[in-house]
Amino acid sequence: MQELRAVLPAYELEFILSNDGSTRLQTEEVNRITQEEGIIFLNHPVNEGKGSCIRKGAAYSHGEFIVYTDLDFPFGIEPIVQMVSLLHDNPGCQFVYGARTKSYFKQLPLKRKVISYGLKMLNRVLLSRKTKDTQAGIKALKREVLQDLLLTKTNSFVFEIEYMCKLMQKKVEIQSIPVQPEPNLVFTDFSNKTIWRELVNLIWIYAHRRVEAVPQPTIRTNHSSETYAGGYADF
């Protein structure tokens, strides 16, 4: 938080910590952190999934720009700065997502690597040929499209595919930036239960959103990565 405030001095930053049923919390540490100004801690006792966790956190936000990422900041803070700059400098852009680089995929456990590449292929076929990644743990949006996020119904990791379907249906301008993992990032693997749950959710999303009829957004190149043709910020 200190680092972000130092590199984004023009913004009043609000930090929202949304706990999705973790039982490993250290009460004293939580109490210490939440005494800091500009921090909101939301404790959800039942684990419902990433989609639910993000919606609950985003619903408490007040910022013009909203950035969400994993607690371990897997890509560092530089992508956050880039995303805020994109949203600020491009009035038409309303959503920015991180696109993981090849070096990221090389570090994944085999099962996660297979699943991630499979999702990338599905994204290109069912969302857009230029949508190569939806699952990087960092996204940014403007308040104008927050309601679309809050109206998603998927609770698991693939909820962002549902969200991006909504944005594409509205012809919202989307951009991406390349992201790569921090050197000390530890990758976990997916359980078979998680894989089946995500598969069921994917089937539900594509069955209900009629992705094949989604209009294709304007494309332009940005930071040598795919791009879809951006106060106050929440993290």
C-alpha atoms as a PDB file:
ATOM      1  CA  MET A   1       0.000   0.000   0.000  1.00  0.00           C
ATOM      2  CA  GLN A   2       2.874   2.324   0.774  1.00  0.00           C
ATOM      3  CA  GLU A   3       4.457   1.530  -2.583  1.00  0.00           C
ATOM      4  CA  LEU A   4       1.229   2.200  -4.475  1.00  0.00           C
ATOM      5  CA  ARG A   5       0.628   5.478  -2.695  1.00  0.00           C
ATOM      6  CA  ALA A   6       4.168   6.505  -3.573  1.00  0.00           C
ATOM      7  CA  VAL A   7       3.777   5.791  -7.314  1.00  0.00           C
ATOM      8  CA  LEU A   8       0.177   7.059  -7.609  1.00  0.00           C
ATOM      9  CA  PRO A   9       0.306  10.313  -5.621  1.00  0.00           C
ATOM     10  CA  ALA A  10      -2.435  11.949  -7.702  1.00  0.00           C
ATOM     11  CA  TYR A  11      -5.033   9.459  -6.477  1.00  0.00           C
ATOM     12  CA  GLU A  12      -6.774   8.928  -3.173  1.00  0.00           C
ATOM     13  CA  LEU A  13      -6.396   5.183  -2.781  1.00  0.00           C
ATOM     14  CA  GLU A  14      -8.887   2.901  -1.072  1.00  0.00           C
ATOM     15  CA  PHE A  15      -7.894  -0.688  -0.282  1.00  0.00           C
ATOM     16  CA  ILE A  16     -10.572  -3.352   0.087  1.00  0.00           C
ATOM     17  CA  LEU A  17      -9.540  -6.750   1.463  1.00  0.00           C
ATOM     18  CA  SER A  18     -12.197  -9.330   0.635  1.00  0.00           C
ATOM     19  CA  ASN A  19     -11.702 -12.610   2.500  1.00  0.00           C
ATOM     20  CA  ASP A  20     -13.486 -15.564   0.914  1.00  0.00           C
ATOM     21  CA  GLY A  21     -13.833 -17.900   3.876  1.00  0.00           C
ATOM     22  CA  SER A  22     -10.159 -18.290   4.772  1.00  0.00           C
ATOM     23  CA  THR A  23      -9.658 -19.739   8.247  1.00  0.00           C
ATOM     24  CA  ARG A  24      -5.945 -18.880   8.371  1.00  0.00           C
ATOM     25  CA  LEU A  25      -6.438 -15.251   9.372  1.00  0.00           C
ATOM     26  CA  GLN A  26      -4.329 -13.808  12.148  1.00  0.00           C
ATOM     27  CA  THR A  27      -6.762 -11.671  14.118  1.00  0.00           C
ATOM     28  CA  GLU A  28      -4.095  -9.388  15.579  1.00  0.00           C
ATOM     29  CA  GLU A  29      -2.621  -8.730  12.157  1.00  0.00           C
ATOM     30  CA  VAL A  30      -6.044  -8.029  10.650  1.00  0.00           C
ATOM     31  CA  ASN A  31      -6.828  -5.585  13.464  1.00  0.00           C
ATOM     32  CA  ARG A  32      -3.482  -3.847  12.990  1.00  0.00           C
ATOM     33  CA  ILE A  33      -3.887  -3.474   9.221  1.00  0.00           C
ATOM     34  CA  THR A  34      -7.477  -2.269   9.375  1.00  0.00           C
ATOM     35  CA  GLN A  35      -6.522   0.567  11.690  1.00  0.00           C
ATOM     36  CA  GLU A  36      -4.734   2.142   8.728  1.00  0.00           C
ATOM     37  CA  GLU A  37      -6.688   4.868   6.948  1.00  0.00           C
ATOM     38  CA  GLY A  38      -8.345   3.904   3.680  1.00  0.00           C
ATOM     39  CA  ILE A  39      -8.624   0.155   4.382  1.00  0.00           C
ATOM     40  CA  ILE A  40     -11.849  -1.841   4.345  1.00  0.00           C
ATOM     41  CA  PHE A  41     -11.778  -5.468   5.513  1.00  0.00           C
ATOM     42  CA  LEU A  42     -14.670  -7.716   4.463  1.00  0.00           C
ATOM     43  CA  ASN A  43     -14.783 -11.111   6.161  1.00  0.00           C
ATOM     44  CA  HIS A  44     -16.993 -13.683   4.434  1.00  0.00           C
ATOM     45  CA  PRO A  45     -17.091 -16.768   6.698  1.00  0.00           C
ATOM     46  CA  VAL A  46     -18.236 -19.159   3.933  1.00  0.00           C
ATOM     47  CA  ASN A  47     -16.030 -19.857   0.919  1.00  0.00           C
ATOM     48  CA  GLU A  48     -18.112 -19.157  -2.200  1.00  0.00           C
ATOM     49  CA  GLY A  49     -15.463 -18.655  -4.882  1.00  0.00           C
ATOM     50  CA  LYS A  50     -13.503 -15.914  -6.592  1.00  0.00           C
ATOM     51  CA  GLY A  51     -16.460 -14.429  -8.473  1.00  0.00           C
ATOM     52  CA  SER A  52     -18.492 -14.004  -5.305  1.00  0.00           C
ATOM     53  CA  CYS A  53     -15.491 -12.609  -3.439  1.00  0.00           C
ATOM     54  CA  ILE A  54     -14.723 -10.002  -6.119  1.00  0.00           C
ATOM     55  CA  ARG A  55     -18.360  -8.904  -6.406  1.00  0.00           C
ATOM     56  CA  LYS A  56     -18.640  -8.398  -2.643  1.00  0.00           C
ATOM     57  CA  GLY A  57     -15.442  -6.393  -2.549  1.00  0.00           C
ATOM     58  CA  ALA A  58     -16.261  -4.297  -5.614  1.00  0.00           C
ATOM     59  CA  ALA A  59     -19.700  -3.469  -4.217  1.00  0.00           C
ATOM     60  CA  TYR A  60     -17.978  -1.547  -1.405  1.00  0.00           C
ATOM     61  CA  SER A  61     -15.787   0.495  -3.736  1.00  0.00           C
ATOM     62  CA  HIS A  62     -16.095   4.240  -4.241  1.00  0.00           C
ATOM     63  CA  GLY A  63     -13.412   4.899  -6.842  1.00  0.00           C
ATOM     64  CA  GLU A  64     -13.646   6.002 -10.429  1.00  0.00           C
ATOM     65  CA  PHE A  65     -11.154   3.240 -11.256  1.00  0.00           C
ATOM     66  CA  ILE A  66     -11.327  -0.195  -9.623  1.00  0.00           C
ATOM     67  CA  VAL A  67      -8.424  -2.642  -9.751  1.00  0.00           C
ATOM     68  CA  TYR A  68      -8.612  -6.139  -8.292  1.00  0.00           C
ATOM     69  CA  THR A  69      -5.800  -8.628  -7.827  1.00  0.00           C
ATOM     70  CA  ASP A  70      -4.770 -11.550  -5.645  1.00  0.00           C
ATOM     71  CA  LEU A  71      -3.534 -10.920  -2.116  1.00  0.00           C
ATOM     72  CA  ASP A  72       0.037 -11.956  -2.959  1.00  0.00           C
ATOM     73  CA  PHE A  73       0.240  -9.371  -5.785  1.00  0.00           C
ATOM     74  CA  PRO A  74       1.493 -12.073  -8.203  1.00  0.00           C
ATOM     75  CA  PHE A  75       2.537  -9.539 -10.854  1.00  0.00           C
ATOM     76  CA  GLY A  76       3.830  -6.789  -8.572  1.00  0.00           C
ATOM     77  CA  ILE A  77       2.516  -3.232  -8.614  1.00  0.00           C
ATOM     78  CA  GLU A  78       3.765  -2.070 -12.025  1.00  0.00           C
ATOM     79  CA  PRO A  79       0.764  -3.545 -13.921  1.00  0.00           C
ATOM     80  CA  ILE A  80      -1.562  -1.677 -11.543  1.00  0.00           C
ATOM     81  CA  VAL A  81       0.147   1.599 -12.420  1.00  0.00           C
ATOM     82  CA  GLN A  82      -0.076   0.774 -16.143  1.00  0.00           C
ATOM     83  CA  MET A  83      -3.771  -0.088 -15.891  1.00  0.00           C
ATOM     84  CA  VAL A  84      -4.641   3.103 -14.032  1.00  0.00           C
ATOM     85  CA  SER A  85      -2.697   5.101 -16.634  1.00  0.00           C
ATOM     86  CA  LEU A  86      -4.552   3.372 -19.485  1.00  0.00           C
ATOM     87  CA  LEU A  87      -7.940   4.090 -17.959  1.00  0.00           C
ATOM     88  CA  HIS A  88      -6.963   7.691 -17.266  1.00  0.00           C
ATOM     89  CA  ASP A  89      -5.388   8.409 -20.664  1.00  0.00           C
ATOM     90  CA  ASN A  90      -8.036   6.639 -22.769  1.00  0.00           C
ATOM     91  CA  PRO A  91     -11.528   8.025 -22.064  1.00  0.00           C
ATOM     92  CA  GLY A  92     -13.146   5.331 -24.203  1.00  0.00           C
ATOM     93  CA  CYS A  93     -11.456   2.361 -22.504  1.00  0.00           C
ATOM     94  CA  GLN A  94     -13.493   0.906 -19.649  1.00  0.00           C
ATOM     95  CA  PHE A  95     -11.837  -2.436 -18.892  1.00  0.00           C
ATOM     96  CA  VAL A  96      -8.204  -3.619 -18.830  1.00  0.00           C
ATOM     97  CA  TYR A  97      -7.032  -7.169 -18.239  1.00  0.00           C
ATOM     98  CA  GLY A  98      -3.640  -8.728 -17.713  1.00  0.00           C
ATOM     99  CA  ALA A  99      -2.421 -11.117 -20.410  1.00  0.00           C
ATOM    100  CA  ARG A 100       0.094 -13.594 -19.028  1.00  0.00           C
ATOM    101  CA  THR A 101       3.365 -13.951 -20.899  1.00  0.00           C
ATOM    102  CA  LYS A 102       4.961 -17.193 -22.116  1.00  0.00           C
ATOM    103  CA  SER A 103       7.351 -17.135 -19.159  1.00  0.00           C
ATOM    104  CA  TYR A 104       4.356 -17.331 -16.825  1.00  0.00           C
ATOM    105  CA  PHE A 105       2.928 -20.429 -18.487  1.00  0.00           C
ATOM    106  CA  LYS A 106       6.302 -22.155 -18.469  1.00  0.00           C
ATOM    107  CA  GLN A 107       6.299 -22.012 -14.638  1.00  0.00           C
ATOM    108  CA  LEU A 108       2.853 -23.538 -14.158  1.00  0.00           C
ATOM    109  CA  PRO A 109       2.371 -27.089 -12.851  1.00  0.00           C
ATOM    110  CA  LEU A 110       1.460 -29.468 -15.683  1.00  0.00           C
ATOM    111  CA  LYS A 111      -2.255 -29.727 -14.850  1.00  0.00           C
ATOM    112  CA  ARG A 112      -2.661 -25.952 -14.584  1.00  0.00           C
ATOM    113  CA  LYS A 113      -0.690 -25.479 -17.778  1.00  0.00           C
ATOM    114  CA  VAL A 114      -2.989 -27.807 -19.735  1.00  0.00           C
ATOM    115  CA  ILE A 115      -6.120 -26.139 -18.318  1.00  0.00           C
ATOM    116  CA  SER A 116      -4.794 -22.630 -18.924  1.00  0.00           C
ATOM    117  CA  TYR A 117      -3.898 -23.351 -22.539  1.00  0.00           C
ATOM    118  CA  GLY A 118      -7.287 -24.986 -23.026  1.00  0.00           C
ATOM    119  CA  LEU A 119      -9.037 -21.868 -21.708  1.00  0.00           C
ATOM    120  CA  LYS A 120      -6.959 -19.666 -23.992  1.00  0.00           C
ATOM    121  CA  MET A 121      -8.111 -21.687 -27.005  1.00  0.00           C
ATOM    122  CA  LEU A 122     -11.741 -21.498 -25.873  1.00  0.00           C
ATOM    123  CA  ASN A 123     -11.458 -17.755 -25.419  1.00  0.00           C
ATOM    124  CA  ARG A 124     -10.193 -17.304 -28.968  1.00  0.00           C
ATOM    125  CA  VAL A 125     -12.968 -19.456 -30.422  1.00  0.00           C
ATOM    126  CA  LEU A 126     -15.924 -18.390 -28.302  1.00  0.00           C
ATOM    127  CA  LEU A 127     -15.124 -14.813 -27.247  1.00  0.00           C
ATOM    128  CA  SER A 128     -12.805 -13.326 -29.856  1.00  0.00           C
ATOM    129  CA  ARG A 129      -9.753 -14.349 -31.837  1.00  0.00           C
ATOM    130  CA  LYS A 130      -7.862 -11.605 -30.001  1.00  0.00           C
ATOM    131  CA  THR A 131      -8.907 -12.712 -26.510  1.00  0.00           C
ATOM    132  CA  LYS A 132      -6.011 -14.911 -25.482  1.00  0.00           C
ATOM    133  CA  ASP A 133      -6.230 -14.774 -21.705  1.00  0.00           C
ATOM    134  CA  THR A 134      -8.997 -14.159 -19.193  1.00  0.00           C
ATOM    135  CA  GLN A 135      -7.612 -15.800 -16.067  1.00  0.00           C
ATOM    136  CA  ALA A 136      -4.662 -13.625 -15.002  1.00  0.00           C
ATOM    137  CA  GLY A 137      -5.235 -12.472 -11.430  1.00  0.00           C
ATOM    138  CA  ILE A 138      -5.384  -8.758 -12.195  1.00  0.00           C
ATOM    139  CA  LYS A 139      -8.077  -6.630 -13.854  1.00  0.00           C
ATOM    140  CA  ALA A 140      -9.097  -2.965 -13.880  1.00  0.00           C
ATOM    141  CA  LEU A 141     -12.383  -1.286 -14.742  1.00  0.00           C
ATOM    142  CA  LYS A 142     -14.168   2.015 -14.665  1.00  0.00           C
ATOM    143  CA  ARG A 143     -17.160   2.603 -12.460  1.00  0.00           C
ATOM    144  CA  GLU A 144     -19.375   2.814 -15.569  1.00  0.00           C
ATOM    145  CA  VAL A 145     -19.098  -0.956 -16.056  1.00  0.00           C
ATOM    146  CA  LEU A 146     -19.125  -1.947 -12.374  1.00  0.00           C
ATOM    147  CA  GLN A 147     -22.819  -2.852 -12.508  1.00  0.00           C
ATOM    148  CA  ASP A 148     -22.106  -5.427 -15.208  1.00  0.00           C
ATOM    149  CA  LEU A 149     -19.587  -7.044 -12.862  1.00  0.00           C
ATOM    150  CA  LEU A 150     -22.057  -7.076  -9.984  1.00  0.00           C
ATOM    151  CA  LEU A 151     -24.677  -8.743 -12.204  1.00  0.00           C
ATOM    152  CA  THR A 152     -22.499 -11.762 -13.031  1.00  0.00           C
ATOM    153  CA  LYS A 153     -23.803 -15.015 -11.556  1.00  0.00           C
ATOM    154  CA  THR A 154     -20.762 -17.304 -11.756  1.00  0.00           C
ATOM    155  CA  ASN A 155     -19.012 -17.658  -8.402  1.00  0.00           C
ATOM    156  CA  SER A 156     -15.867 -19.492  -9.462  1.00  0.00           C
ATOM    157  CA  PHE A 157     -12.617 -18.550 -11.221  1.00  0.00           C
ATOM    158  CA  VAL A 158     -14.192 -18.362 -14.689  1.00  0.00           C
ATOM    159  CA  PHE A 159     -16.661 -15.617 -13.722  1.00  0.00           C
ATOM    160  CA  GLU A 160     -14.513 -13.145 -15.698  1.00  0.00           C
ATOM    161  CA  ILE A 161     -15.430 -14.908 -18.924  1.00  0.00           C
ATOM    162  CA  GLU A 162     -19.077 -14.206 -18.135  1.00  0.00           C
ATOM    163  CA  TYR A 163     -18.192 -10.598 -17.312  1.00  0.00           C
ATOM    164  CA  MET A 164     -16.274 -10.077 -20.545  1.00  0.00           C
ATOM    165  CA  CYS A 165     -19.179 -11.553 -22.497  1.00  0.00           C
ATOM    166  CA  LYS A 166     -21.403  -8.850 -21.002  1.00  0.00           C
ATOM    167  CA  LEU A 167     -18.916  -6.129 -21.893  1.00  0.00           C
ATOM    168  CA  MET A 168     -18.530  -7.355 -25.462  1.00  0.00           C
ATOM    169  CA  GLN A 169     -22.288  -7.482 -25.909  1.00  0.00           C
ATOM    170  CA  LYS A 170     -22.357  -3.798 -24.967  1.00  0.00           C
ATOM    171  CA  LYS A 171     -19.388  -3.085 -27.279  1.00  0.00           C
ATOM    172  CA  VAL A 172     -17.321  -1.815 -24.370  1.00  0.00           C
ATOM    173  CA  GLU A 173     -13.729  -0.919 -25.252  1.00  0.00           C
ATOM    174  CA  ILE A 174     -11.327  -3.410 -23.678  1.00  0.00           C
ATOM    175  CA  GLN A 175      -7.552  -3.294 -23.555  1.00  0.00           C
ATOM    176  CA  SER A 176      -4.855  -5.592 -22.212  1.00  0.00           C
ATOM    177  CA  ILE A 177      -1.310  -5.345 -20.930  1.00  0.00           C
ATOM    178  CA  PRO A 178       1.266  -8.161 -20.706  1.00  0.00           C
ATOM    179  CA  VAL A 179       2.007  -9.410 -17.193  1.00  0.00           C
ATOM    180  CA  GLN A 180       4.602 -11.820 -15.849  1.00  0.00           C
ATOM    181  CA  PRO A 181       4.950 -13.385 -12.396  1.00  0.00           C
ATOM    182  CA  GLU A 182       7.077 -12.078  -9.587  1.00  0.00           C
ATOM    183  CA  PRO A 183      10.302 -14.134  -9.173  1.00  0.00           C
ATOM    184  CA  ASN A 184       9.252 -15.630  -5.820  1.00  0.00           C
ATOM    185  CA  LEU A 185       5.702 -16.569  -6.834  1.00  0.00           C
ATOM    186  CA  VAL A 186       4.666 -20.075  -5.752  1.00  0.00           C
ATOM    187  CA  PHE A 187       2.175 -21.835  -8.032  1.00  0.00           C
ATOM    188  CA  THR A 188      -0.429 -24.227  -6.634  1.00  0.00           C
ATOM    189  CA  ASP A 189      -2.229 -26.921  -8.599  1.00  0.00           C
ATOM    190  CA  PHE A 190      -5.959 -27.474  -9.194  1.00  0.00           C
ATOM    191  CA  SER A 191      -7.858 -30.338  -7.610  1.00  0.00           C
ATOM    192  CA  ASN A 192     -10.067 -32.565  -9.768  1.00  0.00           C
ATOM    193  CA  LYS A 193     -13.110 -31.174  -7.944  1.00  0.00           C
ATOM    194  CA  THR A 194     -12.123 -27.638  -8.938  1.00  0.00           C
ATOM    195  CA  ILE A 195     -11.616 -28.665 -12.571  1.00  0.00           C
ATOM    196  CA  TRP A 196     -15.080 -30.242 -12.818  1.00  0.00           C
ATOM    197  CA  ARG A 197     -16.699 -27.230 -11.143  1.00  0.00           C
ATOM    198  CA  GLU A 198     -15.055 -24.830 -13.581  1.00  0.00           C
ATOM    199  CA  LEU A 199     -16.071 -27.015 -16.528  1.00  0.00           C
ATOM    200  CA  VAL A 200     -19.708 -26.962 -15.412  1.00  0.00           C
ATOM    201  CA  ASN A 201     -19.553 -23.186 -14.992  1.00  0.00           C
ATOM    202  CA  LEU A 202     -18.035 -22.765 -18.448  1.00  0.00           C
ATOM    203  CA  ILE A 203     -20.836 -24.804 -20.004  1.00  0.00           C
ATOM    204  CA  TRP A 204     -23.384 -22.653 -18.181  1.00  0.00           C
ATOM    205  CA  ILE A 205     -21.751 -19.400 -19.344  1.00  0.00           C
ATOM    206  CA  TYR A 206     -21.567 -20.384 -23.001  1.00  0.00           C
ATOM    207  CA  ALA A 207     -25.062 -21.862 -22.977  1.00  0.00           C
ATOM    208  CA  HIS A 208     -26.667 -18.737 -21.512  1.00  0.00           C
ATOM    209  CA  ARG A 209     -24.647 -15.919 -23.011  1.00  0.00           C
ATOM    210  CA  ARG A 210     -24.781 -16.923 -26.696  1.00  0.00           C
ATOM    211  CA  VAL A 211     -21.183 -15.930 -27.150  1.00  0.00           C
ATOM    212  CA  GLU A 212     -21.241 -16.768 -30.839  1.00  0.00           C
ATOM    213  CA  ALA A 213     -23.494 -13.749 -31.429  1.00  0.00           C
ATOM    214  CA  VAL A 214     -21.369 -11.262 -29.503  1.00  0.00           C
ATOM    215  CA  PRO A 215     -20.254  -8.335 -31.726  1.00  0.00           C
ATOM    216  CA  GLN A 216     -16.499  -8.099 -32.130  1.00  0.00           C
ATOM    217  CA  PRO A 217     -14.958  -5.025 -30.484  1.00  0.00           C
ATOM    218  CA  THR A 218     -12.529  -2.643 -32.151  1.00  0.00           C
ATOM    219  CA  ILE A 219      -8.953  -3.878 -31.984  1.00  0.00           C
ATOM    220  CA  ARG A 220      -5.723  -1.935 -31.778  1.00  0.00           C
ATOM    221  CA  THR A 221      -2.221  -2.794 -30.595  1.00  0.00           C
ATOM    222  CA  ASN A 222      -0.968  -1.746 -27.171  1.00  0.00           C
ATOM    223  CA  HIS A 223       2.299  -2.588 -25.391  1.00  0.00           C
ATOM    224  CA  SER A 224       2.996  -5.382 -27.917  1.00  0.00           C
ATOM    225  CA  SER A 225      -0.070  -7.233 -26.677  1.00  0.00           C
ATOM    226  CA  GLU A 226      -3.651  -7.714 -27.844  1.00  0.00           C
ATOM    227  CA  THR A 227      -5.937  -4.754 -27.218  1.00  0.00           C
ATOM    228  CA  TYR A 228      -9.665  -4.085 -27.445  1.00  0.00           C
ATOM    229  CA  ALA A 229     -10.893  -0.701 -28.952  1.00  0.00           C
ATOM    230  CA  GLY A 230      -9.333   5.343 -20.410  1.00  0.00           C
ATOM    231  CA  GLY A 231      -9.365  10.943  -9.348  1.00  0.00           C
ATOM    232  CA  TYR A 232      -9.728   7.891  -7.293  1.00  0.00           C
ATOM    233  CA  ALA A 233      -8.897   4.209  -7.346  1.00  0.00           C
ATOM    234  CA  ASP A 234      -9.788   1.063  -5.412  1.00  0.00           C
ATOM    235  CA  PHE A 235      -7.543  -1.987  -5.066  1.00  0.00           C
END
